[in-house]
C-alpha atoms as a PDB file:
ATOM      1  CA  UNK A   1     -17.007   7.828  23.725  1.00  0.00           C
ATOM      2  CA  UNK A   2     -17.562   4.891  21.370  1.00  0.00           C
ATOM      3  CA  UNK A   3     -14.585   2.933  20.015  1.00  0.00           C
ATOM      4  CA  UNK A   4     -13.722   3.494  16.355  1.00  0.00           C
ATOM      5  CA  UNK A   5     -13.414   0.453  14.118  1.00  0.00           C
ATOM      6  CA  UNK A   6     -11.063   1.050  11.166  1.00  0.00           C
ATOM      7  CA  UNK A   7     -10.830  -1.646   8.490  1.00  0.00           C
ATOM      8  CA  UNK A   8      -8.212  -2.011   5.762  1.00  0.00           C
ATOM      9  CA  UNK A   9      -8.393  -3.733   2.394  1.00  0.00           C
ATOM     10  CA  UNK A  10      -7.650  -7.427   2.649  1.00  0.00           C
ATOM     11  CA  UNK A  11      -6.653 -10.180   0.239  1.00  0.00           C
ATOM     12  CA  UNK A  12      -7.273 -13.875  -0.387  1.00  0.00           C
ATOM     13  CA  UNK A  13      -5.913 -16.803  -2.360  1.00  0.00           C
ATOM     14  CA  UNK A  14      -7.406 -20.253  -2.903  1.00  0.00           C
ATOM     15  CA  UNK A  15      -6.849 -21.353   0.695  1.00  0.00           C
ATOM     16  CA  UNK A  16      -6.758 -18.297   2.962  1.00  0.00           C
ATOM     17  CA  UNK A  17      -8.348 -14.920   3.645  1.00  0.00           C
ATOM     18  CA  UNK A  18      -6.421 -12.128   5.379  1.00  0.00           C
ATOM     19  CA  UNK A  19      -8.179  -8.995   6.647  1.00  0.00           C
ATOM     20  CA  UNK A  20      -7.034  -6.457   9.226  1.00  0.00           C
ATOM     21  CA  UNK A  21      -7.789  -3.213  11.004  1.00  0.00           C
ATOM     22  CA  UNK A  22      -7.457  -1.152  14.181  1.00  0.00           C
ATOM     23  CA  UNK A  23      -9.698  -0.374  17.119  1.00  0.00           C
ATOM     24  CA  UNK A  24      -9.253   3.185  18.379  1.00  0.00           C
ATOM     25  CA  UNK A  25     -10.317   4.442  21.770  1.00  0.00           C
ATOM     26  CA  UNK A  26     -10.000   7.944  20.401  1.00  0.00           C
ATOM     27  CA  UNK A  27      -9.523   9.140  16.869  1.00  0.00           C
ATOM     28  CA  UNK A  28      -9.785  12.365  14.921  1.00  0.00           C
ATOM     29  CA  UNK A  29     -11.600  12.996  11.678  1.00  0.00           C
ATOM     30  CA  UNK A  30      -9.328  13.995   8.860  1.00  0.00           C
ATOM     31  CA  UNK A  31     -10.890  16.923   7.010  1.00  0.00           C
ATOM     32  CA  UNK A  32      -9.465  16.671   3.505  1.00  0.00           C
ATOM     33  CA  UNK A  33     -10.546  20.223   2.636  1.00  0.00           C
ATOM     34  CA  UNK A  34      -8.710  22.127   5.361  1.00  0.00           C
ATOM     35  CA  UNK A  35      -5.980  24.566   4.420  1.00  0.00           C
ATOM     36  CA  UNK A  36      -2.642  25.632   5.904  1.00  0.00           C
ATOM     37  CA  UNK A  37      -2.522  25.494   9.717  1.00  0.00           C
ATOM     38  CA  UNK A  38      -5.927  23.811   9.954  1.00  0.00           C
ATOM     39  CA  UNK A  39      -4.653  21.065   7.678  1.00  0.00           C
ATOM     40  CA  UNK A  40      -1.476  20.801   9.777  1.00  0.00           C
ATOM     41  CA  UNK A  41      -3.535  20.335  12.932  1.00  0.00           C
ATOM     42  CA  UNK A  42      -5.678  17.734  11.202  1.00  0.00           C
ATOM     43  CA  UNK A  43      -2.614  15.782  10.027  1.00  0.00           C
ATOM     44  CA  UNK A  44      -0.890  15.885  13.424  1.00  0.00           C
ATOM     45  CA  UNK A  45      -4.103  14.705  15.062  1.00  0.00           C
ATOM     46  CA  UNK A  46      -3.800  11.488  13.079  1.00  0.00           C
ATOM     47  CA  UNK A  47      -0.777  10.749  15.270  1.00  0.00           C
ATOM     48  CA  UNK A  48      -2.610  11.557  18.532  1.00  0.00           C
ATOM     49  CA  UNK A  49      -4.916   8.556  18.336  1.00  0.00           C
ATOM     50  CA  UNK A  50      -5.462   6.198  21.274  1.00  0.00           C
ATOM     51  CA  UNK A  51      -5.855   2.482  20.654  1.00  0.00           C
ATOM     52  CA  UNK A  52      -7.553  -0.330  22.563  1.00  0.00           C
ATOM     53  CA  UNK A  53      -5.548  -3.466  23.292  1.00  0.00           C
ATOM     54  CA  UNK A  54      -6.979  -6.950  23.866  1.00  0.00           C
ATOM     55  CA  UNK A  55     -10.385  -5.772  22.626  1.00  0.00           C
ATOM     56  CA  UNK A  56     -12.835  -8.332  21.199  1.00  0.00           C
ATOM     57  CA  UNK A  57     -13.530  -8.149  17.456  1.00  0.00           C
ATOM     58  CA  UNK A  58     -15.609 -10.462  15.280  1.00  0.00           C
ATOM     59  CA  UNK A  59     -15.243 -11.240  11.579  1.00  0.00           C
ATOM     60  CA  UNK A  60     -18.346 -12.294   9.694  1.00  0.00           C
ATOM     61  CA  UNK A  61     -17.656 -14.065   6.440  1.00  0.00           C
ATOM     62  CA  UNK A  62     -20.259 -16.280   4.812  1.00  0.00           C
ATOM     63  CA  UNK A  63     -21.878 -18.324   7.555  1.00  0.00           C
ATOM     64  CA  UNK A  64     -18.880 -18.006   9.857  1.00  0.00           C
ATOM     65  CA  UNK A  65     -18.255 -15.634  12.748  1.00  0.00           C
ATOM     66  CA  UNK A  66     -14.658 -15.684  13.935  1.00  0.00           C
ATOM     67  CA  UNK A  67     -13.531 -14.054  17.171  1.00  0.00           C
ATOM     68  CA  UNK A  68     -10.137 -12.544  17.958  1.00  0.00           C
ATOM     69  CA  UNK A  69      -8.653  -9.736  20.093  1.00  0.00           C
ATOM     70  CA  UNK A  70      -6.579  -6.694  19.256  1.00  0.00           C
ATOM     71  CA  UNK A  71      -2.831  -6.568  19.820  1.00  0.00           C
ATOM     72  CA  UNK A  72      -1.113  -4.070  22.121  1.00  0.00           C
ATOM     73  CA  UNK A  73      -1.358  -1.269  19.533  1.00  0.00           C
ATOM     74  CA  UNK A  74      -5.038  -1.901  18.761  1.00  0.00           C
ATOM     75  CA  UNK A  75      -4.224  -3.773  15.555  1.00  0.00           C
ATOM     76  CA  UNK A  76      -6.049  -6.949  14.633  1.00  0.00           C
ATOM     77  CA  UNK A  77      -5.579  -9.413  11.820  1.00  0.00           C
ATOM     78  CA  UNK A  78      -7.681 -12.386  10.793  1.00  0.00           C
ATOM     79  CA  UNK A  79      -5.899 -15.128   8.830  1.00  0.00           C
ATOM     80  CA  UNK A  80      -8.528 -17.776   8.203  1.00  0.00           C
ATOM     81  CA  UNK A  81      -8.652 -20.879   5.987  1.00  0.00           C
ATOM     82  CA  UNK A  82     -11.221 -20.770   3.215  1.00  0.00           C
ATOM     83  CA  UNK A  83     -13.405 -23.872   3.124  1.00  0.00           C
ATOM     84  CA  UNK A  84     -15.357 -22.724   0.066  1.00  0.00           C
ATOM     85  CA  UNK A  85     -13.634 -21.265  -2.991  1.00  0.00           C
ATOM     86  CA  UNK A  86     -14.418 -17.578  -3.421  1.00  0.00           C
ATOM     87  CA  UNK A  87     -15.091 -15.616  -6.577  1.00  0.00           C
ATOM     88  CA  UNK A  88     -12.380 -13.515  -8.203  1.00  0.00           C
ATOM     89  CA  UNK A  89     -12.004  -9.749  -7.885  1.00  0.00           C
ATOM     90  CA  UNK A  90     -13.057  -7.477  -5.042  1.00  0.00           C
ATOM     91  CA  UNK A  91     -15.475  -8.752  -2.393  1.00  0.00           C
ATOM     92  CA  UNK A  92     -16.898  -7.489   0.892  1.00  0.00           C
ATOM     93  CA  UNK A  93     -16.274  -8.548   4.467  1.00  0.00           C
ATOM     94  CA  UNK A  94     -17.679  -7.363   7.807  1.00  0.00           C
ATOM     95  CA  UNK A  95     -16.141  -6.885  11.256  1.00  0.00           C
ATOM     96  CA  UNK A  96     -17.971  -5.943  14.443  1.00  0.00           C
ATOM     97  CA  UNK A  97     -17.332  -5.191  18.089  1.00  0.00           C
ATOM     98  CA  UNK A  98     -19.579  -4.794  21.108  1.00  0.00           C
ATOM     99  CA  UNK A  99     -19.384  -1.740  23.373  1.00  0.00           C
ATOM    100  CA  UNK A 100     -21.798  -1.299  26.280  1.00  0.00           C
ATOM    101  CA  UNK A 101     -24.329  -3.678  24.716  1.00  0.00           C
ATOM    102  CA  UNK A 102     -24.160  -1.825  21.383  1.00  0.00           C
ATOM    103  CA  UNK A 103     -22.841  -3.584  18.301  1.00  0.00           C
ATOM    104  CA  UNK A 104     -20.599  -1.464  16.079  1.00  0.00           C
ATOM    105  CA  UNK A 105     -20.233  -2.793  12.534  1.00  0.00           C
ATOM    106  CA  UNK A 106     -17.799  -1.836   9.779  1.00  0.00           C
ATOM    107  CA  UNK A 107     -17.557  -3.190   6.237  1.00  0.00           C
ATOM    108  CA  UNK A 108     -14.394  -3.574   4.243  1.00  0.00           C
ATOM    109  CA  UNK A 109     -13.264  -5.221   1.013  1.00  0.00           C
ATOM    110  CA  UNK A 110     -10.706  -7.795  -0.049  1.00  0.00           C
ATOM    111  CA  UNK A 111      -9.355  -9.018  -3.369  1.00  0.00           C
ATOM    112  CA  UNK A 112      -8.766 -12.437  -4.814  1.00  0.00           C
ATOM    113  CA  UNK A 113      -6.716 -11.911  -7.987  1.00  0.00           C
ATOM    114  CA  UNK A 114      -7.833 -13.442 -11.250  1.00  0.00           C
ATOM    115  CA  UNK A 115      -5.750 -16.353 -12.500  1.00  0.00           C
ATOM    116  CA  UNK A 116      -2.971 -15.611 -14.928  1.00  0.00           C
ATOM    117  CA  UNK A 117      -2.641 -12.005 -13.810  1.00  0.00           C
ATOM    118  CA  UNK A 118       0.249  -9.789 -12.978  1.00  0.00           C
ATOM    119  CA  UNK A 119       0.812  -8.597  -9.438  1.00  0.00           C
ATOM    120  CA  UNK A 120       1.942  -4.979  -9.234  1.00  0.00           C
ATOM    121  CA  UNK A 121       3.714  -3.768  -6.101  1.00  0.00           C
ATOM    122  CA  UNK A 122       4.390  -0.056  -5.788  1.00  0.00           C
ATOM    123  CA  UNK A 123       5.944   2.207  -3.217  1.00  0.00           C
ATOM    124  CA  UNK A 124       4.033   5.449  -2.570  1.00  0.00           C
ATOM    125  CA  UNK A 125       6.209   8.424  -1.596  1.00  0.00           C
ATOM    126  CA  UNK A 126       8.141   9.781  -4.570  1.00  0.00           C
ATOM    127  CA  UNK A 127       7.114   6.771  -6.643  1.00  0.00           C
ATOM    128  CA  UNK A 128       3.688   8.143  -7.576  1.00  0.00           C
ATOM    129  CA  UNK A 129       2.993  10.727  -4.831  1.00  0.00           C
ATOM    130  CA  UNK A 130       5.368  13.710  -4.921  1.00  0.00           C
ATOM    131  CA  UNK A 131       6.667  13.773  -1.335  1.00  0.00           C
ATOM    132  CA  UNK A 132      10.258  15.141  -1.331  1.00  0.00           C
ATOM    133  CA  UNK A 133      11.510  12.342   0.941  1.00  0.00           C
ATOM    134  CA  UNK A 134      15.113  13.321   0.101  1.00  0.00           C
ATOM    135  CA  UNK A 135      14.511  16.715   1.779  1.00  0.00           C
ATOM    136  CA  UNK A 136      13.244  16.221   5.350  1.00  0.00           C
ATOM    137  CA  UNK A 137      12.061  19.780   5.971  1.00  0.00           C
ATOM    138  CA  UNK A 138      10.307  20.127   2.626  1.00  0.00           C
ATOM    139  CA  UNK A 139       8.641  16.742   3.123  1.00  0.00           C
ATOM    140  CA  UNK A 140       7.257  17.803   6.528  1.00  0.00           C
ATOM    141  CA  UNK A 141       6.134  21.178   5.159  1.00  0.00           C
ATOM    142  CA  UNK A 142       4.204  19.564   2.284  1.00  0.00           C
ATOM    143  CA  UNK A 143       2.635  16.953   4.567  1.00  0.00           C
ATOM    144  CA  UNK A 144       1.493  19.627   7.031  1.00  0.00           C
ATOM    145  CA  UNK A 145       0.423  22.507   4.820  1.00  0.00           C
ATOM    146  CA  UNK A 146      -0.762  20.886   1.575  1.00  0.00           C
ATOM    147  CA  UNK A 147      -4.102  19.145   1.858  1.00  0.00           C
ATOM    148  CA  UNK A 148      -4.989  16.042  -0.149  1.00  0.00           C
ATOM    149  CA  UNK A 149      -6.399  18.132  -3.018  1.00  0.00           C
ATOM    150  CA  UNK A 150      -3.170  20.114  -3.293  1.00  0.00           C
ATOM    151  CA  UNK A 151      -0.877  17.079  -3.397  1.00  0.00           C
ATOM    152  CA  UNK A 152       0.282  15.920  -6.805  1.00  0.00           C
ATOM    153  CA  UNK A 153       1.256  12.807  -8.713  1.00  0.00           C
ATOM    154  CA  UNK A 154       4.092  12.662 -11.215  1.00  0.00           C
ATOM    155  CA  UNK A 155       3.149  13.335 -14.819  1.00  0.00           C
ATOM    156  CA  UNK A 156       1.976  10.233 -16.734  1.00  0.00           C
ATOM    157  CA  UNK A 157       2.111   7.987 -13.663  1.00  0.00           C
ATOM    158  CA  UNK A 158      -1.676   7.518 -13.725  1.00  0.00           C
ATOM    159  CA  UNK A 159      -1.911   6.204 -17.324  1.00  0.00           C
ATOM    160  CA  UNK A 160       1.037   3.895 -16.612  1.00  0.00           C
ATOM    161  CA  UNK A 161      -0.594   2.447 -13.500  1.00  0.00           C
ATOM    162  CA  UNK A 162      -3.973   2.157 -15.183  1.00  0.00           C
ATOM    163  CA  UNK A 163      -2.380   0.298 -18.091  1.00  0.00           C
ATOM    164  CA  UNK A 164      -0.598  -2.061 -15.694  1.00  0.00           C
ATOM    165  CA  UNK A 165      -3.881  -2.632 -13.875  1.00  0.00           C
ATOM    166  CA  UNK A 166      -5.632  -3.826 -17.034  1.00  0.00           C
ATOM    167  CA  UNK A 167      -2.618  -5.512 -18.691  1.00  0.00           C
ATOM    168  CA  UNK A 168      -3.550  -8.837 -20.249  1.00  0.00           C
ATOM    169  CA  UNK A 169      -7.199  -8.520 -19.266  1.00  0.00           C
ATOM    170  CA  UNK A 170      -9.979  -8.496 -21.817  1.00  0.00           C
ATOM    171  CA  UNK A 171     -12.787  -7.763 -19.364  1.00  0.00           C
ATOM    172  CA  UNK A 172     -12.661  -4.223 -17.964  1.00  0.00           C
ATOM    173  CA  UNK A 173     -14.021  -5.522 -14.644  1.00  0.00           C
ATOM    174  CA  UNK A 174     -11.030  -7.832 -14.243  1.00  0.00           C
ATOM    175  CA  UNK A 175      -8.022  -6.008 -12.892  1.00  0.00           C
ATOM    176  CA  UNK A 176      -4.529  -7.115 -11.931  1.00  0.00           C
ATOM    177  CA  UNK A 177      -3.824  -7.146  -8.203  1.00  0.00           C
ATOM    178  CA  UNK A 178      -2.208  -3.918  -7.009  1.00  0.00           C
ATOM    179  CA  UNK A 179      -0.377  -3.494  -3.706  1.00  0.00           C
ATOM    180  CA  UNK A 180       0.859  -0.171  -2.320  1.00  0.00           C
ATOM    181  CA  UNK A 181       3.559  -1.043   0.221  1.00  0.00           C
ATOM    182  CA  UNK A 182       5.124   1.914   2.002  1.00  0.00           C
ATOM    183  CA  UNK A 183       7.122   3.052   5.008  1.00  0.00           C
ATOM    184  CA  UNK A 184       4.306   5.440   5.857  1.00  0.00           C
ATOM    185  CA  UNK A 185       2.344   4.422   8.954  1.00  0.00           C
ATOM    186  CA  UNK A 186      -1.256   3.214   9.222  1.00  0.00           C
ATOM    187  CA  UNK A 187      -2.021   6.717  10.566  1.00  0.00           C
ATOM    188  CA  UNK A 188      -1.981   7.972   6.958  1.00  0.00           C
ATOM    189  CA  UNK A 189      -4.171   5.202   5.501  1.00  0.00           C
ATOM    190  CA  UNK A 190      -7.254   7.363   4.938  1.00  0.00           C
ATOM    191  CA  UNK A 191      -5.167  10.077   3.291  1.00  0.00           C
ATOM    192  CA  UNK A 192      -3.631   7.528   0.889  1.00  0.00           C
ATOM    193  CA  UNK A 193      -7.027   6.032   0.011  1.00  0.00           C
ATOM    194  CA  UNK A 194      -8.480   9.480  -0.650  1.00  0.00           C
ATOM    195  CA  UNK A 195      -5.483  10.583  -2.704  1.00  0.00           C
ATOM    196  CA  UNK A 196      -5.516   7.491  -4.927  1.00  0.00           C
ATOM    197  CA  UNK A 197      -9.255   7.908  -5.538  1.00  0.00           C
ATOM    198  CA  UNK A 198      -8.873  11.582  -6.488  1.00  0.00           C
ATOM    199  CA  UNK A 199      -6.227  10.711  -9.076  1.00  0.00           C
ATOM    200  CA  UNK A 200      -7.963   7.549 -10.302  1.00  0.00           C
ATOM    201  CA  UNK A 201      -5.044   5.323  -9.423  1.00  0.00           C
ATOM    202  CA  UNK A 202      -5.831   1.595  -9.305  1.00  0.00           C
ATOM    203  CA  UNK A 203      -7.658   0.301  -6.242  1.00  0.00           C
ATOM    204  CA  UNK A 204      -5.050  -1.521  -4.195  1.00  0.00           C
ATOM    205  CA  UNK A 205      -4.352  -3.430  -1.038  1.00  0.00           C
ATOM    206  CA  UNK A 206      -2.394  -0.976   1.123  1.00  0.00           C
ATOM    207  CA  UNK A 207       0.216  -2.343   3.528  1.00  0.00           C
ATOM    208  CA  UNK A 208       1.848   0.196   5.847  1.00  0.00           C
ATOM    209  CA  UNK A 209       4.121   0.451   8.861  1.00  0.00           C
ATOM    210  CA  UNK A 210       2.979  -0.047  12.481  1.00  0.00           C
ATOM    211  CA  UNK A 211       0.757   2.725  13.750  1.00  0.00           C
ATOM    212  CA  UNK A 212       2.258   5.600  15.763  1.00  0.00           C
ATOM    213  CA  UNK A 213       0.551   7.032  18.848  1.00  0.00           C
ATOM    214  CA  UNK A 214       2.325  10.281  19.658  1.00  0.00           C
ATOM    215  CA  UNK A 215       2.880  13.731  18.153  1.00  0.00           C
ATOM    216  CA  UNK A 216       6.665  13.287  18.349  1.00  0.00           C
ATOM    217  CA  UNK A 217       6.314  10.206  16.141  1.00  0.00           C
ATOM    218  CA  UNK A 218       4.875  12.384  13.382  1.00  0.00           C
ATOM    219  CA  UNK A 219       8.281  13.905  12.675  1.00  0.00           C
ATOM    220  CA  UNK A 220       9.741  10.416  12.208  1.00  0.00           C
ATOM    221  CA  UNK A 221       6.978   9.368   9.792  1.00  0.00           C
ATOM    222  CA  UNK A 222       8.309   7.224   6.963  1.00  0.00           C
ATOM    223  CA  UNK A 223      11.825   7.132   8.419  1.00  0.00           C
ATOM    224  CA  UNK A 224      13.809   4.452  10.218  1.00  0.00           C
ATOM    225  CA  UNK A 225      14.146   0.798   9.278  1.00  0.00           C
ATOM    226  CA  UNK A 226      12.580  -0.304   5.981  1.00  0.00           C
ATOM    227  CA  UNK A 227      12.800  -4.066   6.563  1.00  0.00           C
ATOM    228  CA  UNK A 228       9.039  -4.185   7.106  1.00  0.00           C
ATOM    229  CA  UNK A 229       8.643  -3.363   3.402  1.00  0.00           C
ATOM    230  CA  UNK A 230      10.867  -6.271   2.459  1.00  0.00           C
ATOM    231  CA  UNK A 231       8.903  -8.592   4.761  1.00  0.00           C
ATOM    232  CA  UNK A 232       5.544  -7.476   3.334  1.00  0.00           C
ATOM    233  CA  UNK A 233       6.673  -7.766  -0.296  1.00  0.00           C
ATOM    234  CA  UNK A 234       8.142 -11.210   0.397  1.00  0.00           C
ATOM    235  CA  UNK A 235       4.854 -12.235   2.023  1.00  0.00           C
ATOM    236  CA  UNK A 236       2.800 -11.131  -0.998  1.00  0.00           C
ATOM    237  CA  UNK A 237       5.014 -13.061  -3.419  1.00  0.00           C
ATOM    238  CA  UNK A 238       4.769 -16.159  -1.224  1.00  0.00           C
ATOM    239  CA  UNK A 239       0.996 -15.738  -0.850  1.00  0.00           C
ATOM    240  CA  UNK A 240       0.501 -15.544  -4.636  1.00  0.00           C
ATOM    241  CA  UNK A 241       3.337 -17.711  -6.028  1.00  0.00           C
ATOM    242  CA  UNK A 242       1.721 -18.140  -9.449  1.00  0.00           C
ATOM    243  CA  UNK A 243       1.624 -14.440 -10.329  1.00  0.00           C
ATOM    244  CA  UNK A 244       4.370 -12.603 -12.190  1.00  0.00           C
ATOM    245  CA  UNK A 245       5.309  -9.310 -10.551  1.00  0.00           C
ATOM    246  CA  UNK A 246       6.187  -5.771 -11.495  1.00  0.00           C
ATOM    247  CA  UNK A 247       7.912  -3.751  -8.759  1.00  0.00           C
ATOM    248  CA  UNK A 248       7.843   0.062  -8.802  1.00  0.00           C
ATOM    249  CA  UNK A 249       9.866   2.301  -6.513  1.00  0.00           C
ATOM    250  CA  UNK A 250      12.266   5.225  -6.435  1.00  0.00           C
ATOM    251  CA  UNK A 251      15.894   5.938  -5.604  1.00  0.00           C
ATOM    252  CA  UNK A 252      15.278   8.326  -2.672  1.00  0.00           C
ATOM    253  CA  UNK A 253      15.492   5.624   0.001  1.00  0.00           C
ATOM    254  CA  UNK A 254      16.020   1.861  -0.059  1.00  0.00           C
ATOM    255  CA  UNK A 255      13.757   0.539  -2.821  1.00  0.00           C
ATOM    256  CA  UNK A 256      16.561  -0.615  -5.162  1.00  0.00           C
ATOM    257  CA  UNK A 257      18.263  -2.570  -2.367  1.00  0.00           C
ATOM    258  CA  UNK A 258      14.989  -4.134  -1.189  1.00  0.00           C
ATOM    259  CA  UNK A 259      13.935  -5.067  -4.715  1.00  0.00           C
ATOM    260  CA  UNK A 260      17.339  -6.638  -5.428  1.00  0.00           C
ATOM    261  CA  UNK A 261      16.937  -8.842  -2.349  1.00  0.00           C
ATOM    262  CA  UNK A 262      13.448  -9.844  -3.497  1.00  0.00           C
ATOM    263  CA  UNK A 263      14.622 -10.720  -7.008  1.00  0.00           C
ATOM    264  CA  UNK A 264      17.437 -12.892  -5.640  1.00  0.00           C
ATOM    265  CA  UNK A 265      14.956 -14.889  -3.537  1.00  0.00           C
ATOM    266  CA  UNK A 266      12.317 -15.108  -6.304  1.00  0.00           C
ATOM    267  CA  UNK A 267      14.451 -15.454  -9.468  1.00  0.00           C
ATOM    268  CA  UNK A 268      11.612 -16.510 -11.778  1.00  0.00           C
ATOM    269  CA  UNK A 269       8.793 -14.464 -10.255  1.00  0.00           C
ATOM    270  CA  UNK A 270       9.698 -10.797 -10.820  1.00  0.00           C
ATOM    271  CA  UNK A 271       9.199  -9.716 -14.427  1.00  0.00           C
ATOM    272  CA  UNK A 272      10.277  -6.075 -14.217  1.00  0.00           C
ATOM    273  CA  UNK A 273      11.608  -3.458 -11.794  1.00  0.00           C
ATOM    274  CA  UNK A 274      10.969   0.270 -12.246  1.00  0.00           C
ATOM    275  CA  UNK A 275      12.930   2.863 -10.270  1.00  0.00           C
ATOM    276  CA  UNK A 276      12.112   6.570 -10.474  1.00  0.00           C
ATOM    277  CA  UNK A 277      15.045   8.993 -10.449  1.00  0.00           C
ATOM    278  CA  UNK A 278      14.286  11.637  -7.810  1.00  0.00           C
ATOM    279  CA  UNK A 279      17.393  13.812  -8.047  1.00  0.00           C
ATOM    280  CA  UNK A 280      19.103  15.676 -10.882  1.00  0.00           C
ATOM    281  CA  UNK A 281      21.370  12.741 -11.665  1.00  0.00           C
ATOM    282  CA  UNK A 282      21.046   8.995 -11.613  1.00  0.00           C
ATOM    283  CA  UNK A 283      22.747   7.279  -8.685  1.00  0.00           C
ATOM    284  CA  UNK A 284      25.672   4.996  -9.436  1.00  0.00           C
ATOM    285  CA  UNK A 285      24.628   2.637  -6.641  1.00  0.00           C
ATOM    286  CA  UNK A 286      21.152   2.264  -8.167  1.00  0.00           C
ATOM    287  CA  UNK A 287      22.566   1.716 -11.673  1.00  0.00           C
ATOM    288  CA  UNK A 288      24.848  -1.022 -10.316  1.00  0.00           C
ATOM    289  CA  UNK A 289      21.915  -2.785  -8.648  1.00  0.00           C
ATOM    290  CA  UNK A 290      19.760  -2.621 -11.781  1.00  0.00           C
ATOM    291  CA  UNK A 291      22.630  -3.949 -13.920  1.00  0.00           C
ATOM    292  CA  UNK A 292      22.897  -6.861 -11.521  1.00  0.00           C
ATOM    293  CA  UNK A 293      19.153  -7.486 -11.828  1.00  0.00           C
ATOM    294  CA  UNK A 294      19.471  -7.591 -15.609  1.00  0.00           C
ATOM    295  CA  UNK A 295      21.978 -10.427 -15.173  1.00  0.00           C
ATOM    296  CA  UNK A 296      19.143 -12.269 -13.396  1.00  0.00           C
ATOM    297  CA  UNK A 297      16.985 -11.705 -16.504  1.00  0.00           C
ATOM    298  CA  UNK A 298      14.802  -9.124 -14.763  1.00  0.00           C
ATOM    299  CA  UNK A 299      13.806  -6.288 -17.057  1.00  0.00           C
ATOM    300  CA  UNK A 300      14.698  -2.920 -15.498  1.00  0.00           C
ATOM    301  CA  UNK A 301      13.919   0.731 -16.129  1.00  0.00           C
ATOM    302  CA  UNK A 302      15.584   3.655 -14.334  1.00  0.00           C
ATOM    303  CA  UNK A 303      13.504   6.633 -15.386  1.00  0.00           C
ATOM    304  CA  UNK A 304      12.954  10.321 -14.708  1.00  0.00           C
ATOM    305  CA  UNK A 305       9.558  10.692 -16.402  1.00  0.00           C
ATOM    306  CA  UNK A 306       6.785   8.122 -16.320  1.00  0.00           C
ATOM    307  CA  UNK A 307       6.482   8.305 -20.100  1.00  0.00           C
ATOM    308  CA  UNK A 308       9.829   6.492 -20.231  1.00  0.00           C
ATOM    309  CA  UNK A 309       8.377   3.774 -18.005  1.00  0.00           C
ATOM    310  CA  UNK A 310       5.319   3.476 -20.257  1.00  0.00           C
ATOM    311  CA  UNK A 311       7.494   3.058 -23.351  1.00  0.00           C
ATOM    312  CA  UNK A 312       9.566   0.430 -21.553  1.00  0.00           C
ATOM    313  CA  UNK A 313       6.465  -1.515 -20.459  1.00  0.00           C
ATOM    314  CA  UNK A 314       5.272  -1.509 -24.073  1.00  0.00           C
ATOM    315  CA  UNK A 315       8.677  -2.619 -25.346  1.00  0.00           C
ATOM    316  CA  UNK A 316       8.711  -5.729 -23.139  1.00  0.00           C
ATOM    317  CA  UNK A 317       5.071  -6.539 -23.855  1.00  0.00           C
ATOM    318  CA  UNK A 318       3.578  -5.888 -20.400  1.00  0.00           C
ATOM    319  CA  UNK A 319       1.161  -3.264 -21.739  1.00  0.00           C
ATOM    320  CA  UNK A 320      -0.070  -2.420 -25.228  1.00  0.00           C
END
């Protein structure tokens, strides 16, 4: 059985390119059209993958070929200095591996944001994808028995995200850099990509939690420590220090706390924080955090419907 080479969207600044992926010994196709129990089997199979550790992979970029090896969980990451300045926008890269004298090639893409842009960082579950993370059993039911075509976004979230994507740009081909940073695992990457394409959400770099390799891990998907989200958001802001950022999340887990920590470390970098209300009532703890952020001159919006977020973005001049 041939290894499977899975690439993820990468990103670059003036000095460095970062691209990443996994090498699987065994994987399962995710059939996005399956229904009910067949969909459940397909989803669970994404957590039954087998990875290859210490496996040779090669990045081809320009005239360079760079060699590295996978980590213990099959993950690899190339962080390479850029000797020649790249163009702006989305560009292609190529990674290969050799298995029994056969070369397996995969192509991925990376973004270098245009100068003077916003950077938009959004959570996924219950921020734009209705996931019911506050109700464990309902969340698992939806994940298992609702295929990607049956899953839904919140009303008006798409026009809001599309407006943020093009904010301040006069060329439709120039888009602001979008990052979807979530506590979901890399196992669900293909589902997230497919879902965002179906709903015409902005193309984004997707940064997820370490891959899981057992069926039991499925039931813990998206749970546990969320510090990885903080680390990844902090990394993005450090990687692109000249961008101004909009952070979008929800109040079902730890987004308000994480975003407050980020704003305290980057007091002139974050322009606005949006938190979706997921329950019947707003949470006092979230309101207290957002009031504190306002004292740091961060514009905040605690909203139930995305139309409220759109009106707020217009009122502070982010979108027209």
